[in-house]
Amino acid sequence: MKTNGIRLFASVLALSSVVALSEQAFSQTRTAPKTTFHCIRNGNGYATVARRGNAQTGAMITWNDTSFGSQFTPKDRCAIVGQRFNKALSKSGYSLSLLKLTHGVLRSNPVICYIGNTTEKCNDNNLILTLNKSELGQERQIIDQLKNFSVNGTGTPLRRSGDNRFIAGFGKQIDDAFKSGTTQAATPELDVTVTESTTSQGTSK
């Protein structure tokens, strides 16, 4: 009986440990802050950043390009692209590992978009960023620059100044930036928001 009592106590103790670990893991999953993308004021221009709780990455994209005219100002494009990244992340269930970027052409403009599978093409619903026509053929380099904006939390942001497709996982770089310990404090006071409007052709820049 004494031996059975010891075995029973050990079983209960082991079960309690499993339950405690499960509850801890569930609690951490439930309370883990989501990653979101934002447009913030950045010097005399604007920048796209990723934010998780009170932490924020450096600039992923800086916006000073006025070549799209007054209808698509740097401020508007920055805010709209942040919204599009959030839409993409929401569609992936907020799983950064599922966030993939590729390129295509919409209305004669080269574009960057997000896809859920390798057969998906760029369209108005998954558009992230419209490039200048002069950048046609440079889409892979631009995705590489965007993808590697923050290796180890540092790097050069993509600057917006002035079917053999490449598909790149993008979420890992965002995760790496937050895990690197080189993020900065979030700056919600610098946030810029706009309502995305569409042109008569059905898309904005």
N, C-alpha and C. Protein backbone atom coordinates (compact mmCIF):
# COMPACT_ATOMS: atom_id res chain seq x y z
N MET A 1 0.82 -1.20 0.00
CA MET A 1 0.00 0.00 0.00
C MET A 1 0.86 1.25 0.00
N LYS A 2 1.94 1.21 0.71
CA LYS A 2 2.81 2.37 0.77
C LYS A 2 3.42 2.66 -0.60
N THR A 3 3.83 1.55 -1.28
CA THR A 3 4.40 1.71 -2.62
C THR A 3 3.38 2.29 -3.58
N ASN A 4 2.13 1.75 -3.49
CA ASN A 4 1.07 2.26 -4.36
C ASN A 4 0.81 3.74 -4.09
N GLY A 5 0.89 4.11 -2.82
CA GLY A 5 0.67 5.51 -2.45
C GLY A 5 1.73 6.41 -3.06
N ILE A 6 2.98 5.94 -3.06
CA ILE A 6 4.07 6.72 -3.64
C ILE A 6 3.87 6.86 -5.14
N ARG A 7 3.46 5.74 -5.79
CA ARG A 7 3.24 5.79 -7.24
C ARG A 7 2.10 6.74 -7.58
N LEU A 8 1.04 6.68 -6.78
CA LEU A 8 -0.10 7.55 -7.02
C LEU A 8 0.30 9.01 -6.85
N PHE A 9 1.09 9.30 -5.81
CA PHE A 9 1.54 10.67 -5.57
C PHE A 9 2.40 11.15 -6.75
N ALA A 10 3.28 10.26 -7.26
CA ALA A 10 4.15 10.62 -8.38
C ALA A 10 3.33 10.89 -9.64
N SER A 11 2.29 10.09 -9.86
CA SER A 11 1.44 10.27 -11.04
C SER A 11 0.69 11.58 -10.97
N VAL A 12 0.16 11.88 -9.77
CA VAL A 12 -0.55 13.14 -9.59
C VAL A 12 0.38 14.32 -9.79
N LEU A 13 1.61 14.21 -9.27
CA LEU A 13 2.58 15.28 -9.41
C LEU A 13 2.94 15.50 -10.88
N ALA A 14 3.14 14.39 -11.62
CA ALA A 14 3.47 14.50 -13.04
C ALA A 14 2.33 15.13 -13.81
N LEU A 15 1.10 14.71 -13.51
CA LEU A 15 -0.08 15.26 -14.18
C LEU A 15 -0.21 16.75 -13.88
N SER A 16 0.04 17.14 -12.65
CA SER A 16 -0.04 18.56 -12.27
C SER A 16 0.97 19.38 -13.04
N SER A 17 2.16 18.81 -13.23
CA SER A 17 3.20 19.52 -13.98
C SER A 17 2.80 19.73 -15.43
N VAL A 18 2.21 18.68 -16.03
CA VAL A 18 1.77 18.78 -17.42
C VAL A 18 0.69 19.83 -17.55
N VAL A 19 -0.28 19.83 -16.64
CA VAL A 19 -1.37 20.81 -16.67
C VAL A 19 -0.83 22.22 -16.51
N ALA A 20 0.12 22.38 -15.57
CA ALA A 20 0.69 23.71 -15.33
C ALA A 20 1.43 24.21 -16.57
N LEU A 21 2.20 23.35 -17.22
CA LEU A 21 2.92 23.74 -18.42
C LEU A 21 1.97 24.07 -19.55
N SER A 22 0.90 23.28 -19.68
CA SER A 22 -0.08 23.53 -20.72
C SER A 22 -0.77 24.87 -20.51
N GLU A 23 -1.13 25.15 -19.26
CA GLU A 23 -1.78 26.42 -18.96
C GLU A 23 -0.84 27.59 -19.23
N GLN A 24 0.44 27.40 -18.90
CA GLN A 24 1.42 28.47 -19.13
C GLN A 24 1.59 28.72 -20.63
N ALA A 25 1.68 27.64 -21.41
CA ALA A 25 1.83 27.79 -22.85
C ALA A 25 0.61 28.45 -23.46
N PHE A 26 -0.59 28.05 -22.99
CA PHE A 26 -1.81 28.64 -23.50
C PHE A 26 -1.89 30.12 -23.16
N SER A 27 -1.48 30.43 -21.93
CA SER A 27 -1.51 31.83 -21.50
C SER A 27 -0.57 32.68 -22.33
N GLN A 28 0.63 32.14 -22.62
CA GLN A 28 1.60 32.89 -23.41
C GLN A 28 1.10 33.09 -24.83
N THR A 29 0.46 32.03 -25.39
CA THR A 29 -0.08 32.14 -26.74
C THR A 29 -1.20 33.15 -26.78
N ARG A 30 -2.06 33.10 -25.75
CA ARG A 30 -3.23 33.96 -25.71
C ARG A 30 -2.84 35.42 -25.55
N THR A 31 -1.77 35.68 -24.80
CA THR A 31 -1.41 37.06 -24.50
C THR A 31 -0.30 37.61 -25.40
N ALA A 32 0.23 36.77 -26.30
CA ALA A 32 1.31 37.22 -27.17
C ALA A 32 0.81 38.36 -28.06
N PRO A 33 1.49 39.49 -28.08
CA PRO A 33 1.04 40.62 -28.90
C PRO A 33 1.16 40.31 -30.39
N LYS A 34 0.20 40.78 -31.15
CA LYS A 34 0.23 40.59 -32.59
C LYS A 34 1.20 41.58 -33.23
N THR A 35 1.72 41.20 -34.37
CA THR A 35 2.53 42.11 -35.16
C THR A 35 1.61 42.94 -36.04
N THR A 36 1.83 44.23 -36.08
CA THR A 36 1.06 45.11 -36.94
C THR A 36 2.01 46.06 -37.66
N PHE A 37 1.55 46.61 -38.76
CA PHE A 37 2.37 47.52 -39.56
C PHE A 37 1.77 48.92 -39.51
N HIS A 38 2.64 49.91 -39.49
CA HIS A 38 2.19 51.29 -39.32
C HIS A 38 3.01 52.23 -40.19
N CYS A 39 2.42 53.37 -40.49
CA CYS A 39 3.13 54.47 -41.13
C CYS A 39 3.39 55.53 -40.07
N ILE A 40 4.63 55.96 -39.96
CA ILE A 40 4.96 57.00 -38.97
C ILE A 40 5.69 58.15 -39.66
N ARG A 41 5.63 59.30 -39.05
CA ARG A 41 6.41 60.43 -39.53
C ARG A 41 7.89 60.13 -39.28
N ASN A 42 8.72 60.44 -40.27
CA ASN A 42 10.14 60.08 -40.21
C ASN A 42 10.95 61.23 -40.79
N GLY A 43 11.41 62.13 -39.92
CA GLY A 43 12.11 63.32 -40.40
C GLY A 43 11.18 64.17 -41.24
N ASN A 44 11.59 64.46 -42.46
CA ASN A 44 10.75 65.25 -43.37
C ASN A 44 9.84 64.37 -44.23
N GLY A 45 9.90 63.06 -44.00
CA GLY A 45 9.08 62.14 -44.78
C GLY A 45 8.31 61.17 -43.89
N TYR A 46 8.15 59.96 -44.39
CA TYR A 46 7.36 58.95 -43.69
C TYR A 46 8.06 57.60 -43.82
N ALA A 47 7.71 56.68 -42.92
CA ALA A 47 8.34 55.36 -42.94
C ALA A 47 7.33 54.29 -42.54
N THR A 48 7.45 53.12 -43.17
CA THR A 48 6.67 51.95 -42.78
C THR A 48 7.47 51.16 -41.76
N VAL A 49 6.84 50.82 -40.64
CA VAL A 49 7.49 50.04 -39.58
C VAL A 49 6.57 48.92 -39.14
N ALA A 50 7.16 47.91 -38.51
CA ALA A 50 6.38 46.85 -37.89
C ALA A 50 6.41 47.05 -36.37
N ARG A 51 5.31 46.73 -35.72
CA ARG A 51 5.20 46.96 -34.29
C ARG A 51 4.64 45.70 -33.62
N ARG A 52 5.18 45.40 -32.45
CA ARG A 52 4.70 44.26 -31.65
C ARG A 52 4.71 44.69 -30.20
N GLY A 53 3.53 44.89 -29.63
CA GLY A 53 3.45 45.39 -28.27
C GLY A 53 4.07 46.78 -28.20
N ASN A 54 5.04 46.93 -27.31
CA ASN A 54 5.72 48.22 -27.15
C ASN A 54 7.02 48.31 -27.92
N ALA A 55 7.29 47.29 -28.76
CA ALA A 55 8.52 47.28 -29.55
C ALA A 55 8.22 47.61 -31.01
N GLN A 56 9.18 48.21 -31.67
CA GLN A 56 9.00 48.65 -33.04
C GLN A 56 10.30 48.47 -33.83
N THR A 57 10.19 48.00 -35.07
CA THR A 57 11.39 47.85 -35.90
C THR A 57 11.84 49.21 -36.42
N GLY A 58 13.01 49.21 -37.01
CA GLY A 58 13.43 50.38 -37.76
C GLY A 58 12.61 50.49 -39.04
N ALA A 59 12.91 51.50 -39.84
CA ALA A 59 12.15 51.74 -41.07
C ALA A 59 12.33 50.58 -42.05
N MET A 60 11.21 50.04 -42.51
CA MET A 60 11.23 49.04 -43.58
C MET A 60 11.25 49.72 -44.94
N ILE A 61 10.43 50.74 -45.08
CA ILE A 61 10.34 51.52 -46.32
C ILE A 61 10.30 52.99 -45.93
N THR A 62 11.07 53.81 -46.60
CA THR A 62 10.96 55.26 -46.39
C THR A 62 10.28 55.86 -47.61
N TRP A 63 9.51 56.92 -47.36
CA TRP A 63 8.65 57.48 -48.40
C TRP A 63 8.94 58.97 -48.60
N ASN A 64 9.48 59.29 -49.77
CA ASN A 64 9.69 60.68 -50.15
C ASN A 64 9.37 60.91 -51.62
N ASP A 65 9.05 59.84 -52.33
CA ASP A 65 8.83 59.90 -53.77
C ASP A 65 7.52 60.60 -54.11
N THR A 66 7.59 61.63 -54.94
CA THR A 66 6.38 62.37 -55.35
C THR A 66 6.05 62.15 -56.82
N SER A 67 6.68 61.14 -57.44
CA SER A 67 6.51 60.94 -58.88
C SER A 67 5.13 60.44 -59.27
N PHE A 68 4.34 59.99 -58.29
CA PHE A 68 2.98 59.53 -58.61
C PHE A 68 1.96 60.66 -58.58
N GLY A 69 2.41 61.88 -58.30
CA GLY A 69 1.51 63.02 -58.35
C GLY A 69 0.80 63.27 -57.03
N SER A 70 0.00 64.34 -57.02
CA SER A 70 -0.67 64.77 -55.79
C SER A 70 -1.74 63.79 -55.34
N GLN A 71 -2.22 62.94 -56.24
CA GLN A 71 -3.26 61.98 -55.84
C GLN A 71 -2.70 60.90 -54.94
N PHE A 72 -1.40 60.63 -55.08
CA PHE A 72 -0.75 59.59 -54.28
C PHE A 72 0.51 60.17 -53.65
N THR A 73 0.33 60.90 -52.57
CA THR A 73 1.45 61.54 -51.89
C THR A 73 2.25 60.50 -51.10
N PRO A 74 3.48 60.80 -50.72
CA PRO A 74 4.25 59.88 -49.88
C PRO A 74 3.50 59.48 -48.60
N LYS A 75 2.83 60.45 -47.98
CA LYS A 75 2.05 60.16 -46.77
C LYS A 75 0.95 59.16 -47.07
N ASP A 76 0.21 59.38 -48.15
CA ASP A 76 -0.90 58.47 -48.48
C ASP A 76 -0.39 57.07 -48.80
N ARG A 77 0.66 56.99 -49.61
CA ARG A 77 1.17 55.69 -50.01
C ARG A 77 1.73 54.93 -48.81
N CYS A 78 2.41 55.63 -47.94
CA CYS A 78 2.96 55.00 -46.73
C CYS A 78 1.85 54.40 -45.88
N ALA A 79 0.81 55.19 -45.63
CA ALA A 79 -0.29 54.72 -44.79
C ALA A 79 -1.03 53.56 -45.44
N ILE A 80 -1.26 53.66 -46.76
CA ILE A 80 -1.99 52.61 -47.47
C ILE A 80 -1.21 51.30 -47.48
N VAL A 81 0.09 51.37 -47.69
CA VAL A 81 0.90 50.15 -47.71
C VAL A 81 0.92 49.49 -46.34
N GLY A 82 0.95 50.29 -45.27
CA GLY A 82 0.83 49.71 -43.93
C GLY A 82 -0.48 48.96 -43.75
N GLN A 83 -1.57 49.54 -44.25
CA GLN A 83 -2.88 48.89 -44.17
C GLN A 83 -2.88 47.58 -44.97
N ARG A 84 -2.23 47.60 -46.12
CA ARG A 84 -2.19 46.40 -46.96
C ARG A 84 -1.39 45.29 -46.30
N PHE A 85 -0.28 45.64 -45.66
CA PHE A 85 0.47 44.63 -44.92
C PHE A 85 -0.38 44.03 -43.80
N ASN A 86 -1.14 44.86 -43.11
CA ASN A 86 -2.00 44.35 -42.04
C ASN A 86 -3.08 43.44 -42.59
N LYS A 87 -3.62 43.78 -43.74
CA LYS A 87 -4.62 42.93 -44.40
C LYS A 87 -4.02 41.58 -44.75
N ALA A 88 -2.79 41.61 -45.29
CA ALA A 88 -2.11 40.37 -45.66
C ALA A 88 -1.87 39.50 -44.43
N LEU A 89 -1.42 40.12 -43.35
CA LEU A 89 -1.14 39.37 -42.13
C LEU A 89 -2.41 38.80 -41.53
N SER A 90 -3.49 39.56 -41.60
CA SER A 90 -4.78 39.08 -41.10
C SER A 90 -5.25 37.86 -41.88
N LYS A 91 -5.07 37.88 -43.19
CA LYS A 91 -5.49 36.75 -44.02
C LYS A 91 -4.67 35.50 -43.74
N SER A 92 -3.45 35.69 -43.24
CA SER A 92 -2.61 34.53 -42.92
C SER A 92 -2.82 34.07 -41.48
N GLY A 93 -3.85 34.61 -40.82
CA GLY A 93 -4.10 34.24 -39.43
C GLY A 93 -3.05 34.80 -38.50
N TYR A 94 -2.45 35.93 -38.87
CA TYR A 94 -1.38 36.58 -38.12
C TYR A 94 -0.16 35.68 -37.95
N SER A 95 0.02 34.78 -38.93
CA SER A 95 1.21 33.92 -38.93
C SER A 95 2.24 34.51 -39.88
N LEU A 96 3.30 35.07 -39.32
CA LEU A 96 4.33 35.69 -40.15
C LEU A 96 5.00 34.69 -41.09
N SER A 97 5.06 33.44 -40.68
CA SER A 97 5.74 32.44 -41.50
C SER A 97 4.99 32.19 -42.81
N LEU A 98 3.71 32.57 -42.86
CA LEU A 98 2.91 32.36 -44.07
C LEU A 98 2.89 33.58 -44.98
N LEU A 99 3.54 34.65 -44.57
CA LEU A 99 3.53 35.89 -45.33
C LEU A 99 4.60 35.83 -46.42
N LYS A 100 4.15 35.74 -47.68
CA LYS A 100 5.07 35.63 -48.81
C LYS A 100 4.81 36.75 -49.80
N LEU A 101 5.89 37.25 -50.38
CA LEU A 101 5.82 38.33 -51.36
C LEU A 101 6.25 37.84 -52.73
N THR A 102 5.61 38.37 -53.76
CA THR A 102 6.04 38.12 -55.13
C THR A 102 5.76 39.37 -55.94
N HIS A 103 5.88 39.27 -57.27
CA HIS A 103 5.72 40.46 -58.10
C HIS A 103 4.89 40.14 -59.34
N GLY A 104 4.42 41.17 -59.99
CA GLY A 104 3.64 41.02 -61.20
C GLY A 104 3.45 42.38 -61.85
N VAL A 105 2.47 42.47 -62.73
CA VAL A 105 2.17 43.72 -63.42
C VAL A 105 0.67 43.97 -63.36
N LEU A 106 0.29 45.17 -62.94
CA LEU A 106 -1.11 45.59 -62.94
C LEU A 106 -1.21 46.90 -63.71
N ARG A 107 -2.05 46.90 -64.75
CA ARG A 107 -2.25 48.11 -65.56
C ARG A 107 -0.92 48.74 -65.98
N SER A 108 -0.03 47.89 -66.47
CA SER A 108 1.28 48.26 -67.02
C SER A 108 2.29 48.70 -65.97
N ASN A 109 1.91 48.70 -64.69
CA ASN A 109 2.86 49.05 -63.63
C ASN A 109 3.39 47.79 -62.95
N PRO A 110 4.69 47.69 -62.73
CA PRO A 110 5.21 46.58 -61.92
C PRO A 110 4.73 46.75 -60.48
N VAL A 111 4.39 45.63 -59.83
CA VAL A 111 3.86 45.69 -58.46
C VAL A 111 4.45 44.58 -57.62
N ILE A 112 4.41 44.77 -56.30
CA ILE A 112 4.73 43.75 -55.31
C ILE A 112 3.43 43.38 -54.62
N CYS A 113 3.21 42.08 -54.41
CA CYS A 113 1.96 41.63 -53.77
C CYS A 113 2.27 40.49 -52.82
N TYR A 114 1.28 40.11 -52.02
CA TYR A 114 1.41 38.95 -51.14
C TYR A 114 0.56 37.81 -51.68
N ILE A 115 0.99 36.59 -51.46
CA ILE A 115 0.26 35.43 -51.97
C ILE A 115 0.13 34.36 -50.90
N GLY A 116 -0.92 33.57 -51.03
CA GLY A 116 -1.13 32.46 -50.11
C GLY A 116 -0.59 31.15 -50.65
N ASN A 117 -0.41 31.07 -51.97
CA ASN A 117 0.16 29.87 -52.58
C ASN A 117 0.93 30.28 -53.84
N THR A 118 1.75 29.38 -54.34
CA THR A 118 2.68 29.72 -55.41
C THR A 118 2.00 29.91 -56.76
N THR A 119 0.74 29.53 -56.90
CA THR A 119 0.03 29.70 -58.17
C THR A 119 -0.73 31.03 -58.23
N GLU A 120 -0.82 31.71 -57.10
CA GLU A 120 -1.58 32.96 -57.05
C GLU A 120 -0.82 34.09 -57.75
N LYS A 121 -1.57 34.93 -58.44
CA LYS A 121 -0.98 36.06 -59.16
C LYS A 121 -1.31 37.37 -58.44
N CYS A 122 -0.57 38.41 -58.78
CA CYS A 122 -0.85 39.73 -58.22
C CYS A 122 -2.16 40.27 -58.80
N ASN A 123 -2.98 40.85 -57.94
CA ASN A 123 -4.24 41.44 -58.36
C ASN A 123 -4.59 42.57 -57.41
N ASP A 124 -5.73 43.22 -57.64
CA ASP A 124 -6.12 44.36 -56.80
C ASP A 124 -6.33 43.97 -55.34
N ASN A 125 -6.67 42.70 -55.09
CA ASN A 125 -6.99 42.28 -53.73
C ASN A 125 -5.77 41.93 -52.89
N ASN A 126 -4.64 41.64 -53.54
CA ASN A 126 -3.45 41.29 -52.76
C ASN A 126 -2.28 42.24 -53.01
N LEU A 127 -2.57 43.37 -53.61
CA LEU A 127 -1.54 44.36 -53.90
C LEU A 127 -0.93 44.92 -52.61
N ILE A 128 0.38 45.04 -52.59
CA ILE A 128 1.10 45.69 -51.49
C ILE A 128 1.67 47.03 -51.95
N LEU A 129 2.42 47.01 -53.04
CA LEU A 129 3.19 48.19 -53.42
C LEU A 129 3.28 48.30 -54.94
N THR A 130 2.95 49.48 -55.46
CA THR A 130 3.11 49.77 -56.89
C THR A 130 4.47 50.44 -57.10
N LEU A 131 5.22 49.92 -58.05
CA LEU A 131 6.55 50.46 -58.35
C LEU A 131 6.46 51.43 -59.53
N ASN A 132 7.52 52.18 -59.71
CA ASN A 132 7.62 53.02 -60.89
C ASN A 132 7.83 52.14 -62.13
N LYS A 133 7.33 52.60 -63.28
CA LYS A 133 7.49 51.83 -64.52
C LYS A 133 8.96 51.61 -64.84
N SER A 134 9.79 52.56 -64.44
CA SER A 134 11.23 52.45 -64.71
C SER A 134 11.87 51.31 -63.91
N GLU A 135 11.14 50.77 -62.92
CA GLU A 135 11.68 49.70 -62.08
C GLU A 135 11.28 48.31 -62.58
N LEU A 136 10.60 48.26 -63.73
CA LEU A 136 10.24 46.97 -64.33
C LEU A 136 11.52 46.18 -64.59
N GLY A 137 11.55 44.93 -64.12
CA GLY A 137 12.75 44.11 -64.24
C GLY A 137 13.61 44.12 -62.99
N GLN A 138 13.31 45.03 -62.07
CA GLN A 138 14.08 45.13 -60.83
C GLN A 138 13.30 44.60 -59.62
N GLU A 139 12.18 43.93 -59.88
CA GLU A 139 11.30 43.53 -58.79
C GLU A 139 11.98 42.60 -57.79
N ARG A 140 12.80 41.68 -58.28
CA ARG A 140 13.46 40.74 -57.37
C ARG A 140 14.41 41.47 -56.43
N GLN A 141 15.18 42.41 -56.97
CA GLN A 141 16.10 43.17 -56.13
C GLN A 141 15.34 43.98 -55.08
N ILE A 142 14.19 44.51 -55.47
CA ILE A 142 13.40 45.31 -54.54
C ILE A 142 12.82 44.44 -53.43
N ILE A 143 12.33 43.25 -53.80
CA ILE A 143 11.83 42.32 -52.78
C ILE A 143 12.96 41.91 -51.85
N ASP A 144 14.14 41.64 -52.42
CA ASP A 144 15.30 41.26 -51.60
C ASP A 144 15.64 42.38 -50.61
N GLN A 145 15.61 43.61 -51.09
CA GLN A 145 15.94 44.73 -50.20
C GLN A 145 14.90 44.87 -49.10
N LEU A 146 13.63 44.70 -49.49
CA LEU A 146 12.56 44.79 -48.49
C LEU A 146 12.65 43.62 -47.52
N LYS A 147 12.90 42.43 -48.04
CA LYS A 147 12.96 41.22 -47.22
C LYS A 147 14.11 41.28 -46.22
N ASN A 148 15.20 41.90 -46.63
CA ASN A 148 16.40 41.92 -45.79
C ASN A 148 16.60 43.27 -45.12
N PHE A 149 15.52 44.04 -45.01
CA PHE A 149 15.64 45.38 -44.43
C PHE A 149 16.23 45.34 -43.04
N SER A 150 16.02 44.24 -42.33
CA SER A 150 16.36 44.25 -40.91
C SER A 150 16.99 42.94 -40.46
N VAL A 151 17.95 42.47 -41.20
CA VAL A 151 18.69 41.30 -40.74
C VAL A 151 19.39 41.67 -39.44
N ASN A 152 19.13 40.89 -38.42
CA ASN A 152 19.65 41.18 -37.08
C ASN A 152 19.17 42.53 -36.56
N GLY A 153 18.02 42.97 -37.10
CA GLY A 153 17.42 44.20 -36.58
C GLY A 153 17.99 45.46 -37.17
N THR A 154 18.90 45.36 -38.11
CA THR A 154 19.47 46.56 -38.72
C THR A 154 19.45 46.39 -40.23
N GLY A 155 19.81 47.42 -40.94
CA GLY A 155 19.87 47.30 -42.38
C GLY A 155 19.36 48.55 -43.07
N THR A 156 19.35 48.51 -44.38
CA THR A 156 18.92 49.65 -45.17
C THR A 156 17.47 49.48 -45.57
N PRO A 157 16.61 50.43 -45.25
CA PRO A 157 15.21 50.29 -45.65
C PRO A 157 15.05 50.46 -47.15
N LEU A 158 13.99 49.90 -47.70
CA LEU A 158 13.65 50.12 -49.09
C LEU A 158 13.24 51.57 -49.26
N ARG A 159 13.87 52.27 -50.19
CA ARG A 159 13.61 53.70 -50.34
C ARG A 159 12.72 53.93 -51.55
N ARG A 160 11.63 54.67 -51.34
CA ARG A 160 10.74 55.05 -52.43
C ARG A 160 11.04 56.48 -52.79
N SER A 161 12.10 56.71 -53.57
CA SER A 161 12.51 58.06 -53.93
C SER A 161 12.72 58.12 -55.44
N GLY A 162 12.18 58.66 -55.87
CA GLY A 162 12.38 58.96 -57.26
C GLY A 162 11.66 57.97 -58.19
N ASP A 163 6.08 33.64 -66.59
CA ASP A 163 5.88 33.55 -65.19
C ASP A 163 7.03 32.90 -64.48
N ASN A 164 8.05 33.59 -64.65
CA ASN A 164 9.28 33.30 -63.95
C ASN A 164 9.37 34.31 -62.83
N ARG A 165 8.57 34.08 -61.79
CA ARG A 165 8.47 35.04 -60.70
C ARG A 165 9.35 34.64 -59.54
N PHE A 166 9.78 35.62 -58.82
CA PHE A 166 10.53 35.41 -57.58
C PHE A 166 9.54 35.48 -56.42
N ILE A 167 9.55 34.48 -55.55
CA ILE A 167 8.67 34.44 -54.38
C ILE A 167 9.54 34.38 -53.14
N ALA A 168 9.27 35.24 -52.19
CA ALA A 168 10.13 35.34 -51.01
C ALA A 168 9.30 35.29 -49.74
N GLY A 169 9.73 34.45 -48.79
CA GLY A 169 9.16 34.51 -47.46
C GLY A 169 9.58 35.81 -46.80
N PHE A 170 8.66 36.48 -46.16
CA PHE A 170 8.95 37.81 -45.63
C PHE A 170 8.86 37.86 -44.11
N GLY A 171 8.02 36.99 -43.54
CA GLY A 171 7.76 37.07 -42.11
C GLY A 171 8.96 36.79 -41.23
N LYS A 172 9.87 35.91 -41.69
CA LYS A 172 11.02 35.55 -40.85
C LYS A 172 11.87 36.78 -40.52
N GLN A 173 12.02 37.68 -41.50
CA GLN A 173 12.82 38.87 -41.25
C GLN A 173 12.18 39.76 -40.19
N ILE A 174 10.86 39.82 -40.19
CA ILE A 174 10.16 40.60 -39.17
C ILE A 174 10.38 39.98 -37.81
N ASP A 175 10.22 38.65 -37.73
CA ASP A 175 10.45 37.95 -36.47
C ASP A 175 11.88 38.15 -35.98
N ASP A 176 12.84 38.03 -36.90
CA ASP A 176 14.25 38.18 -36.53
C ASP A 176 14.51 39.58 -35.97
N ALA A 177 13.85 40.57 -36.55
CA ALA A 177 14.05 41.95 -36.08
C ALA A 177 13.61 42.09 -34.62
N PHE A 178 12.48 41.47 -34.29
CA PHE A 178 11.98 41.58 -32.91
C PHE A 178 12.82 40.74 -31.94
N LYS A 179 13.36 39.63 -32.42
CA LYS A 179 14.15 38.76 -31.56
C LYS A 179 15.58 39.24 -31.38
N SER A 180 16.01 40.17 -32.22
CA SER A 180 17.41 40.60 -32.22
C SER A 180 17.77 41.46 -31.01
N GLY A 181 16.75 42.06 -30.39
CA GLY A 181 17.01 42.94 -29.27
C GLY A 181 17.42 44.33 -29.68
N THR A 182 17.33 44.64 -30.97
CA THR A 182 17.74 45.97 -31.44
C THR A 182 16.54 46.82 -31.87
N THR A 183 15.36 46.39 -31.48
CA THR A 183 14.18 47.19 -31.79
C THR A 183 14.14 48.42 -30.89
N GLN A 184 13.29 49.34 -31.22
CA GLN A 184 13.15 50.56 -30.44
C GLN A 184 11.77 50.62 -29.81
N ALA A 185 11.57 51.59 -28.94
CA ALA A 185 10.25 51.75 -28.32
C ALA A 185 9.24 52.20 -29.37
N ALA A 186 8.04 51.68 -29.29
CA ALA A 186 6.99 52.04 -30.23
C ALA A 186 6.68 53.54 -30.14
N THR A 187 6.33 54.13 -31.28
CA THR A 187 6.04 55.57 -31.33
C THR A 187 4.65 55.81 -31.91
N PRO A 188 3.61 55.37 -31.22
CA PRO A 188 2.25 55.58 -31.76
C PRO A 188 1.89 57.04 -31.94
N GLU A 189 2.58 57.92 -31.23
CA GLU A 189 2.29 59.35 -31.36
C GLU A 189 2.70 59.88 -32.73
N LEU A 190 3.50 59.11 -33.47
CA LEU A 190 3.92 59.52 -34.81
C LEU A 190 3.10 58.86 -35.92
N ASP A 191 2.11 58.07 -35.54
CA ASP A 191 1.32 57.33 -36.53
C ASP A 191 0.59 58.27 -37.48
N VAL A 192 0.52 57.82 -38.73
CA VAL A 192 -0.22 58.53 -39.77
C VAL A 192 -1.24 57.56 -40.35
N THR A 193 -2.48 57.98 -40.48
CA THR A 193 -3.52 57.12 -41.05
C THR A 193 -4.27 57.87 -42.13
N VAL A 194 -4.68 57.14 -43.16
CA VAL A 194 -5.53 57.68 -44.21
C VAL A 194 -6.51 56.58 -44.60
N THR A 195 -7.56 56.95 -45.28
CA THR A 195 -8.51 55.98 -45.80
C THR A 195 -8.14 55.68 -47.24
N GLU A 196 -7.92 54.41 -47.55
CA GLU A 196 -7.50 54.07 -48.91
C GLU A 196 -8.61 54.36 -49.89
N SER A 197 -8.28 55.13 -50.92
CA SER A 197 -9.22 55.41 -52.00
C SER A 197 -8.74 54.70 -53.24
N THR A 198 -9.60 54.56 -54.21
CA THR A 198 -9.23 53.87 -55.44
C THR A 198 -9.37 54.81 -56.62
N THR A 199 -8.61 54.56 -57.63
CA THR A 199 -8.70 55.34 -58.85
C THR A 199 -9.80 54.78 -59.71
N SER A 200 -10.07 55.43 -60.81
CA SER A 200 -11.09 54.94 -61.73
C SER A 200 -10.69 53.61 -62.35
N GLN A 201 -9.39 53.29 -62.26
CA GLN A 201 -8.91 52.02 -62.78
C GLN A 201 -9.01 50.91 -61.76
N GLY A 202 -9.40 51.25 -60.53
CA GLY A 202 -9.69 50.22 -59.55
C GLY A 202 -8.58 49.93 -58.56
N THR A 203 -7.51 50.71 -58.55
CA THR A 203 -6.46 50.45 -57.57
C THR A 203 -5.75 51.73 -57.22
N SER A 204 -5.16 51.76 -56.04
CA SER A 204 -4.34 52.89 -55.65
C SER A 204 -2.90 52.46 -55.62
N LYS A 205 -2.02 53.42 -55.53
CA LYS A 205 -0.59 53.14 -55.63
C LYS A 205 -0.03 52.62 -54.34
